[in-house]
Amino acid sequence: MPTLQQQAVHLTQEALAALFRTARHVPVDKYHWSPMGEARAAQNQVAECALTPMVYLSLLDGHPMDFSDPAVRRHGEQMMSALDTVDAAEAAAQEQYARLYTRIESLSDADLTRTVRLPFGGGRDVPIADIIFFAYQNIVYHTGQINYLQLMLGDKEMH
């Protein structure tokens, strides 16, 4: 039976593969398309997923990023906009997730009971056992968002 750490890595790897498989089915001319207002384009969602391991690593290392700092937000937006193709985002994701997987696998069972204060979501305390699944949850959420965009574009296939 896998450890919780191994299961978190496994599920995240599977979700990441599904995200990029799904993103590759978005028509190239619609990759930056947003259906309206604040709705996010596939590019933005894939880029976020590629870079969020930095956020989770900061939580696991006990030094959460300060999202209230405009410079931190601006830097993140610049990094995301640079990942303007599926290939660029996937290359960044492979690098970032390798670091996250190594960090998750290095956690002891005792580490899983430690809590970290989130710099978002109301600032609540969350056990490391939950945080190791945050990347998985985020990827699954954004894959669903991309699937919805594809549905709006007439693609009803399961990718």
C-alpha atoms as a PDB file:
ATOM      1  CA  MET A   1       0.000   0.000   0.000  1.00  0.00           C
ATOM      2  CA  PRO A   2       1.418   3.426  -0.891  1.00  0.00           C
ATOM      3  CA  THR A   3       2.175   5.994   1.750  1.00  0.00           C
ATOM      4  CA  LEU A   4       0.097   9.160   1.834  1.00  0.00           C
ATOM      5  CA  GLN A   5       3.073  11.019   0.384  1.00  0.00           C
ATOM      6  CA  GLN A   6       3.380   8.526  -2.500  1.00  0.00           C
ATOM      7  CA  GLN A   7      -0.354   8.732  -3.162  1.00  0.00           C
ATOM      8  CA  ALA A   8      -0.240  12.544  -3.278  1.00  0.00           C
ATOM      9  CA  VAL A   9       2.588  12.420  -5.805  1.00  0.00           C
ATOM     10  CA  HIS A  10       0.886   9.719  -7.882  1.00  0.00           C
ATOM     11  CA  LEU A  11      -2.465  11.525  -8.073  1.00  0.00           C
ATOM     12  CA  THR A  12      -0.752  14.821  -8.891  1.00  0.00           C
ATOM     13  CA  GLN A  13       1.275  13.188 -11.686  1.00  0.00           C
ATOM     14  CA  GLU A  14      -1.885  11.666 -13.178  1.00  0.00           C
ATOM     15  CA  ALA A  15      -3.770  14.966 -12.925  1.00  0.00           C
ATOM     16  CA  LEU A  16      -0.908  16.909 -14.508  1.00  0.00           C
ATOM     17  CA  ALA A  17      -0.797  14.511 -17.455  1.00  0.00           C
ATOM     18  CA  ALA A  18      -4.571  14.916 -17.877  1.00  0.00           C
ATOM     19  CA  LEU A  19      -4.280  18.720 -17.732  1.00  0.00           C
ATOM     20  CA  PHE A  20      -1.798  18.836 -20.597  1.00  0.00           C
ATOM     21  CA  ARG A  21      -3.643  16.173 -22.576  1.00  0.00           C
ATOM     22  CA  THR A  22      -6.790  18.300 -22.253  1.00  0.00           C
ATOM     23  CA  ALA A  23      -4.992  21.569 -23.041  1.00  0.00           C
ATOM     24  CA  ARG A  24      -3.565  20.084 -26.251  1.00  0.00           C
ATOM     25  CA  HIS A  25      -7.134  19.698 -27.531  1.00  0.00           C
ATOM     26  CA  VAL A  26      -7.908  23.410 -27.232  1.00  0.00           C
ATOM     27  CA  PRO A  27      -7.682  24.885 -30.729  1.00  0.00           C
ATOM     28  CA  VAL A  28      -4.503  26.969 -31.045  1.00  0.00           C
ATOM     29  CA  ASP A  29      -6.509  30.022 -32.078  1.00  0.00           C
ATOM     30  CA  LYS A  30      -8.636  29.681 -28.914  1.00  0.00           C
ATOM     31  CA  TYR A  31      -5.846  28.978 -26.399  1.00  0.00           C
ATOM     32  CA  HIS A  32      -5.829  32.640 -25.283  1.00  0.00           C
ATOM     33  CA  TRP A  33      -9.603  33.057 -25.684  1.00  0.00           C
ATOM     34  CA  SER A  34     -11.793  34.060 -22.779  1.00  0.00           C
ATOM     35  CA  PRO A  35     -15.565  33.704 -23.159  1.00  0.00           C
ATOM     36  CA  MET A  36     -16.241  36.939 -21.265  1.00  0.00           C
ATOM     37  CA  GLY A  37     -15.127  39.392 -18.605  1.00  0.00           C
ATOM     38  CA  GLU A  38     -13.018  37.836 -15.889  1.00  0.00           C
ATOM     39  CA  ALA A  39     -13.304  34.297 -17.266  1.00  0.00           C
ATOM     40  CA  ARG A  40      -9.851  32.832 -17.681  1.00  0.00           C
ATOM     41  CA  ALA A  41      -8.355  31.522 -20.898  1.00  0.00           C
ATOM     42  CA  ALA A  42      -6.899  28.023 -21.097  1.00  0.00           C
ATOM     43  CA  GLN A  43      -3.419  29.569 -21.346  1.00  0.00           C
ATOM     44  CA  ASN A  44      -3.827  31.364 -18.034  1.00  0.00           C
ATOM     45  CA  GLN A  45      -5.082  28.267 -16.266  1.00  0.00           C
ATOM     46  CA  VAL A  46      -2.364  25.991 -17.620  1.00  0.00           C
ATOM     47  CA  ALA A  47       0.324  28.555 -16.749  1.00  0.00           C
ATOM     48  CA  GLU A  48      -1.024  28.843 -13.202  1.00  0.00           C
ATOM     49  CA  CYS A  49      -0.911  25.090 -12.755  1.00  0.00           C
ATOM     50  CA  ALA A  50       2.639  24.990 -14.119  1.00  0.00           C
ATOM     51  CA  LEU A  51       3.870  27.499 -11.552  1.00  0.00           C
ATOM     52  CA  THR A  52       1.867  26.760  -8.409  1.00  0.00           C
ATOM     53  CA  PRO A  53       4.372  24.217  -7.082  1.00  0.00           C
ATOM     54  CA  MET A  54       6.349  27.268  -5.945  1.00  0.00           C
ATOM     55  CA  VAL A  55       3.412  28.247  -3.729  1.00  0.00           C
ATOM     56  CA  TYR A  56       3.069  24.757  -2.279  1.00  0.00           C
ATOM     57  CA  LEU A  57       6.822  24.450  -1.729  1.00  0.00           C
ATOM     58  CA  SER A  58       6.785  27.740   0.169  1.00  0.00           C
ATOM     59  CA  LEU A  59       4.027  26.363   2.396  1.00  0.00           C
ATOM     60  CA  LEU A  60       5.824  23.064   2.986  1.00  0.00           C
ATOM     61  CA  ASP A  61       9.025  24.932   3.819  1.00  0.00           C
ATOM     62  CA  GLY A  62       7.213  27.162   6.313  1.00  0.00           C
ATOM     63  CA  HIS A  63       7.774  30.398   4.384  1.00  0.00           C
ATOM     64  CA  PRO A  64       4.448  31.148   2.660  1.00  0.00           C
ATOM     65  CA  MET A  65       4.468  33.665  -0.170  1.00  0.00           C
ATOM     66  CA  ASP A  66       3.003  37.070   0.656  1.00  0.00           C
ATOM     67  CA  PHE A  67       0.191  37.478  -1.859  1.00  0.00           C
ATOM     68  CA  SER A  68      -0.681  40.887  -0.427  1.00  0.00           C
ATOM     69  CA  ASP A  69       2.612  42.217  -1.821  1.00  0.00           C
ATOM     70  CA  PRO A  70       1.973  43.809  -5.249  1.00  0.00           C
ATOM     71  CA  ALA A  71       5.511  42.913  -6.355  1.00  0.00           C
ATOM     72  CA  VAL A  72       4.857  39.226  -5.644  1.00  0.00           C
ATOM     73  CA  ARG A  73       1.600  39.330  -7.620  1.00  0.00           C
ATOM     74  CA  ARG A  74       3.204  41.245 -10.502  1.00  0.00           C
ATOM     75  CA  HIS A  75       6.110  38.796 -10.680  1.00  0.00           C
ATOM     76  CA  GLY A  76       3.685  35.856 -10.764  1.00  0.00           C
ATOM     77  CA  GLU A  77       1.651  37.456 -13.540  1.00  0.00           C
ATOM     78  CA  GLN A  78       4.806  38.055 -15.588  1.00  0.00           C
ATOM     79  CA  MET A  79       5.909  34.456 -15.153  1.00  0.00           C
ATOM     80  CA  MET A  80       2.453  33.181 -16.148  1.00  0.00           C
ATOM     81  CA  SER A  81       2.226  35.360 -19.252  1.00  0.00           C
ATOM     82  CA  ALA A  82       5.620  34.087 -20.426  1.00  0.00           C
ATOM     83  CA  LEU A  83       4.179  30.555 -20.557  1.00  0.00           C
ATOM     84  CA  ASP A  84       2.168  31.377 -23.662  1.00  0.00           C
ATOM     85  CA  THR A  85       2.095  27.930 -25.288  1.00  0.00           C
ATOM     86  CA  VAL A  86       1.183  24.476 -24.028  1.00  0.00           C
ATOM     87  CA  ASP A  87       4.749  23.327 -24.662  1.00  0.00           C
ATOM     88  CA  ALA A  88       6.254  26.199 -22.641  1.00  0.00           C
ATOM     89  CA  ALA A  89       3.859  25.579 -19.763  1.00  0.00           C
ATOM     90  CA  GLU A  90       4.498  21.848 -19.806  1.00  0.00           C
ATOM     91  CA  ALA A  91       8.276  22.338 -19.737  1.00  0.00           C
ATOM     92  CA  ALA A  92       7.941  24.693 -16.749  1.00  0.00           C
ATOM     93  CA  ALA A  93       5.547  22.290 -15.046  1.00  0.00           C
ATOM     94  CA  GLN A  94       7.912  19.327 -15.418  1.00  0.00           C
ATOM     95  CA  GLU A  95      10.666  21.315 -13.723  1.00  0.00           C
ATOM     96  CA  GLN A  96       8.486  22.724 -10.949  1.00  0.00           C
ATOM     97  CA  TYR A  97       6.618  19.507 -10.153  1.00  0.00           C
ATOM     98  CA  ALA A  98       9.823  17.463  -9.975  1.00  0.00           C
ATOM     99  CA  ARG A  99      10.877  19.722  -7.090  1.00  0.00           C
ATOM    100  CA  LEU A 100       7.459  19.407  -5.436  1.00  0.00           C
ATOM    101  CA  TYR A 101       7.397  15.607  -5.758  1.00  0.00           C
ATOM    102  CA  THR A 102      10.841  15.338  -4.182  1.00  0.00           C
ATOM    103  CA  ARG A 103       9.772  17.590  -1.310  1.00  0.00           C
ATOM    104  CA  ILE A 104       6.534  15.674  -0.692  1.00  0.00           C
ATOM    105  CA  GLU A 105       8.356  12.334  -0.743  1.00  0.00           C
ATOM    106  CA  SER A 106      10.892  13.668   1.780  1.00  0.00           C
ATOM    107  CA  LEU A 107       8.181  14.356   4.374  1.00  0.00           C
ATOM    108  CA  SER A 108       7.996  11.995   7.310  1.00  0.00           C
ATOM    109  CA  ASP A 109       4.680  10.769   8.656  1.00  0.00           C
ATOM    110  CA  ALA A 110       5.279  13.000  11.687  1.00  0.00           C
ATOM    111  CA  ASP A 111       5.633  16.015   9.344  1.00  0.00           C
ATOM    112  CA  LEU A 112       2.113  15.373   8.050  1.00  0.00           C
ATOM    113  CA  THR A 113       0.589  16.350  11.379  1.00  0.00           C
ATOM    114  CA  ARG A 114       2.337  19.733  11.478  1.00  0.00           C
ATOM    115  CA  THR A 115       0.155  22.706  10.498  1.00  0.00           C
ATOM    116  CA  VAL A 116       0.902  25.703   8.325  1.00  0.00           C
ATOM    117  CA  ARG A 117      -0.975  28.990   8.267  1.00  0.00           C
ATOM    118  CA  LEU A 118      -2.318  29.683   4.780  1.00  0.00           C
ATOM    119  CA  PRO A 119      -1.740  33.161   3.340  1.00  0.00           C
ATOM    120  CA  PHE A 120      -5.079  32.806   1.498  1.00  0.00           C
ATOM    121  CA  GLY A 121      -8.503  31.294   2.166  1.00  0.00           C
ATOM    122  CA  GLY A 122      -9.025  33.257   5.355  1.00  0.00           C
ATOM    123  CA  GLY A 123      -5.614  32.481   6.821  1.00  0.00           C
ATOM    124  CA  ARG A 124      -6.570  29.185   8.422  1.00  0.00           C
ATOM    125  CA  ASP A 125      -4.168  26.572   9.815  1.00  0.00           C
ATOM    126  CA  VAL A 126      -3.929  23.468   7.642  1.00  0.00           C
ATOM    127  CA  PRO A 127      -2.088  20.187   8.265  1.00  0.00           C
ATOM    128  CA  ILE A 128       0.727  19.271   5.896  1.00  0.00           C
ATOM    129  CA  ALA A 129      -1.253  16.079   5.143  1.00  0.00           C
ATOM    130  CA  ASP A 130      -3.797  18.305   3.386  1.00  0.00           C
ATOM    131  CA  ILE A 131      -1.278  20.598   1.720  1.00  0.00           C
ATOM    132  CA  ILE A 132       0.393  17.730  -0.133  1.00  0.00           C
ATOM    133  CA  PHE A 133      -2.883  17.304  -2.042  1.00  0.00           C
ATOM    134  CA  PHE A 134      -3.362  21.007  -2.883  1.00  0.00           C
ATOM    135  CA  ALA A 135      -1.544  20.746  -6.237  1.00  0.00           C
ATOM    136  CA  TYR A 136      -3.689  17.767  -7.216  1.00  0.00           C
ATOM    137  CA  GLN A 137      -6.894  19.614  -6.302  1.00  0.00           C
ATOM    138  CA  ASN A 138      -5.833  22.749  -8.164  1.00  0.00           C
ATOM    139  CA  ILE A 139      -4.957  20.827 -11.326  1.00  0.00           C
ATOM    140  CA  VAL A 140      -8.236  18.884 -11.320  1.00  0.00           C
ATOM    141  CA  TYR A 141     -10.184  22.129 -10.865  1.00  0.00           C
ATOM    142  CA  HIS A 142      -8.432  23.830 -13.784  1.00  0.00           C
ATOM    143  CA  THR A 143      -8.731  20.781 -16.023  1.00  0.00           C
ATOM    144  CA  GLY A 144     -12.493  21.001 -15.467  1.00  0.00           C
ATOM    145  CA  GLN A 145     -12.422  24.691 -16.357  1.00  0.00           C
ATOM    146  CA  ILE A 146     -10.580  23.930 -19.602  1.00  0.00           C
ATOM    147  CA  ASN A 147     -13.049  21.140 -20.354  1.00  0.00           C
ATOM    148  CA  TYR A 148     -15.855  23.665 -19.920  1.00  0.00           C
ATOM    149  CA  LEU A 149     -14.166  26.079 -22.329  1.00  0.00           C
ATOM    150  CA  GLN A 150     -13.853  23.242 -24.831  1.00  0.00           C
ATOM    151  CA  LEU A 151     -17.534  22.409 -24.404  1.00  0.00           C
ATOM    152  CA  MET A 152     -18.388  26.045 -25.201  1.00  0.00           C
ATOM    153  CA  LEU A 153     -16.268  25.658 -28.331  1.00  0.00           C
ATOM    154  CA  GLY A 154     -18.262  22.602 -29.376  1.00  0.00           C
ATOM    155  CA  ASP A 155     -15.814  19.876 -28.296  1.00  0.00           C
ATOM    156  CA  LYS A 156     -17.828  17.174 -26.503  1.00  0.00           C
ATOM    157  CA  GLU A 157     -15.096  14.521 -26.477  1.00  0.00           C
ATOM    158  CA  MET A 158     -13.564  13.147 -23.301  1.00  0.00           C
ATOM    159  CA  HIS A 159      -9.821  13.814 -23.470  1.00  0.00           C
END
